[in-house]
């Protein structure tokens, strides 16, 4: 199972452009969007 998961992740990261900006998330890259969401405090 672990080997299959590693192969799928390698394919996804090789295929998907993580640096391309997306209009649906405010013209930032998916990586930048996830990093910002991870560091912002959650709403109370």
N, C-alpha and C. Protein backbone atom coordinates (compact mmCIF):
# COMPACT_ATOMS: atom_id res chain seq x y z
N UNK A 1 0.83 -1.20 0.00
CA UNK A 1 0.00 0.00 0.00
C UNK A 1 0.86 1.25 0.00
N UNK A 2 1.91 1.26 0.81
CA UNK A 2 2.77 2.44 0.90
C UNK A 2 3.46 2.74 -0.43
N UNK A 3 3.85 1.70 -1.15
CA UNK A 3 4.52 1.90 -2.43
C UNK A 3 3.55 2.48 -3.45
N UNK A 4 2.32 2.01 -3.45
CA UNK A 4 1.31 2.53 -4.37
C UNK A 4 1.02 4.00 -4.06
N UNK A 5 0.94 4.34 -2.79
CA UNK A 5 0.69 5.73 -2.40
C UNK A 5 1.86 6.62 -2.85
N UNK A 6 3.07 6.15 -2.70
CA UNK A 6 4.24 6.91 -3.12
C UNK A 6 4.24 7.14 -4.63
N UNK A 7 3.85 6.12 -5.39
CA UNK A 7 3.80 6.25 -6.84
C UNK A 7 2.74 7.27 -7.25
N UNK A 8 1.58 7.22 -6.62
CA UNK A 8 0.51 8.17 -6.94
C UNK A 8 0.93 9.60 -6.59
N UNK A 9 1.53 9.78 -5.42
CA UNK A 9 1.99 11.12 -5.04
C UNK A 9 3.05 11.65 -5.98
N UNK A 10 3.98 10.81 -6.36
CA UNK A 10 5.01 11.22 -7.33
C UNK A 10 4.38 11.65 -8.64
N UNK A 11 3.39 10.90 -9.11
CA UNK A 11 2.71 11.24 -10.36
C UNK A 11 1.97 12.57 -10.22
N UNK A 12 1.27 12.75 -9.12
CA UNK A 12 0.50 13.99 -8.92
C UNK A 12 1.42 15.20 -8.89
N UNK A 13 2.51 15.11 -8.14
CA UNK A 13 3.41 16.25 -8.04
C UNK A 13 4.16 16.49 -9.34
N UNK A 14 4.36 15.46 -10.13
CA UNK A 14 5.00 15.64 -11.43
C UNK A 14 4.05 16.19 -12.47
N UNK A 15 2.77 15.88 -12.35
CA UNK A 15 1.78 16.28 -13.36
C UNK A 15 1.19 17.65 -13.08
N UNK A 16 0.86 17.93 -11.82
CA UNK A 16 0.14 19.14 -11.46
C UNK A 16 1.10 20.30 -11.26
N UNK A 17 0.79 21.45 -11.84
CA UNK A 17 1.63 22.64 -11.70
C UNK A 17 1.25 23.37 -10.42
N UNK A 18 2.06 23.24 -9.39
CA UNK A 18 1.77 23.83 -8.09
C UNK A 18 2.13 25.31 -8.03
N UNK A 19 2.82 25.82 -9.03
CA UNK A 19 3.22 27.21 -9.04
C UNK A 19 2.26 28.10 -9.83
N UNK A 20 1.41 27.50 -10.67
CA UNK A 20 0.49 28.28 -11.50
C UNK A 20 -0.55 28.95 -10.62
N UNK A 21 -0.79 30.23 -10.87
CA UNK A 21 -1.77 30.96 -10.08
C UNK A 21 -3.18 30.61 -10.56
N UNK A 22 -4.12 30.56 -9.62
CA UNK A 22 -5.50 30.20 -9.91
C UNK A 22 -6.43 31.36 -9.54
N UNK A 23 -7.34 31.69 -10.44
CA UNK A 23 -8.27 32.79 -10.18
C UNK A 23 -9.26 32.45 -9.07
N UNK A 24 -9.56 31.19 -8.90
CA UNK A 24 -10.54 30.78 -7.88
C UNK A 24 -10.03 30.99 -6.46
N UNK A 25 -8.70 31.12 -6.29
CA UNK A 25 -8.14 31.30 -4.96
C UNK A 25 -7.37 32.61 -4.84
N UNK A 26 -7.83 33.61 -5.60
CA UNK A 26 -7.25 34.95 -5.49
C UNK A 26 -5.95 35.15 -6.22
N UNK A 27 -5.75 34.44 -7.32
CA UNK A 27 -4.56 34.56 -8.16
C UNK A 27 -3.26 34.27 -7.40
N UNK A 28 -3.30 33.27 -6.53
CA UNK A 28 -2.09 32.79 -5.87
C UNK A 28 -1.91 31.32 -6.25
N UNK A 29 -0.70 30.84 -6.05
CA UNK A 29 -0.44 29.44 -6.36
C UNK A 29 -1.06 28.56 -5.29
N UNK A 30 -1.37 27.31 -5.61
CA UNK A 30 -1.93 26.41 -4.61
C UNK A 30 -1.02 26.25 -3.39
N UNK A 31 0.29 26.22 -3.60
CA UNK A 31 1.22 26.08 -2.48
C UNK A 31 1.15 27.31 -1.58
N UNK A 32 1.13 28.51 -2.17
CA UNK A 32 1.04 29.72 -1.38
C UNK A 32 -0.28 29.80 -0.64
N UNK A 33 -1.35 29.38 -1.29
CA UNK A 33 -2.67 29.39 -0.66
C UNK A 33 -2.71 28.46 0.56
N UNK A 34 -2.18 27.26 0.40
CA UNK A 34 -2.16 26.31 1.51
C UNK A 34 -1.27 26.79 2.64
N UNK A 35 -0.12 27.37 2.31
CA UNK A 35 0.77 27.89 3.35
C UNK A 35 0.11 29.04 4.11
N UNK A 36 -0.60 29.92 3.41
CA UNK A 36 -1.28 31.03 4.07
C UNK A 36 -2.40 30.50 4.97
N UNK A 37 -3.13 29.52 4.50
CA UNK A 37 -4.23 28.96 5.30
C UNK A 37 -3.69 28.25 6.54
N UNK A 38 -2.52 27.69 6.43
CA UNK A 38 -1.91 26.96 7.55
C UNK A 38 -1.41 27.92 8.63
N UNK A 39 -1.00 29.14 8.24
CA UNK A 39 -0.40 30.06 9.20
C UNK A 39 -1.40 31.07 9.76
N UNK A 40 -2.53 31.28 9.12
CA UNK A 40 -3.51 32.24 9.61
C UNK A 40 -4.27 31.66 10.79
N UNK A 41 -4.55 32.48 11.82
CA UNK A 41 -5.33 31.97 12.95
C UNK A 41 -6.76 31.67 12.52
N UNK A 42 -7.33 30.67 13.13
CA UNK A 42 -8.72 30.29 12.81
C UNK A 42 -9.69 31.29 13.42
N UNK A 43 -10.81 31.51 12.73
CA UNK A 43 -11.83 32.41 13.22
C UNK A 43 -12.47 31.84 14.49
N UNK A 44 -12.81 32.72 15.39
CA UNK A 44 -13.40 32.28 16.67
C UNK A 44 -14.88 32.04 16.54
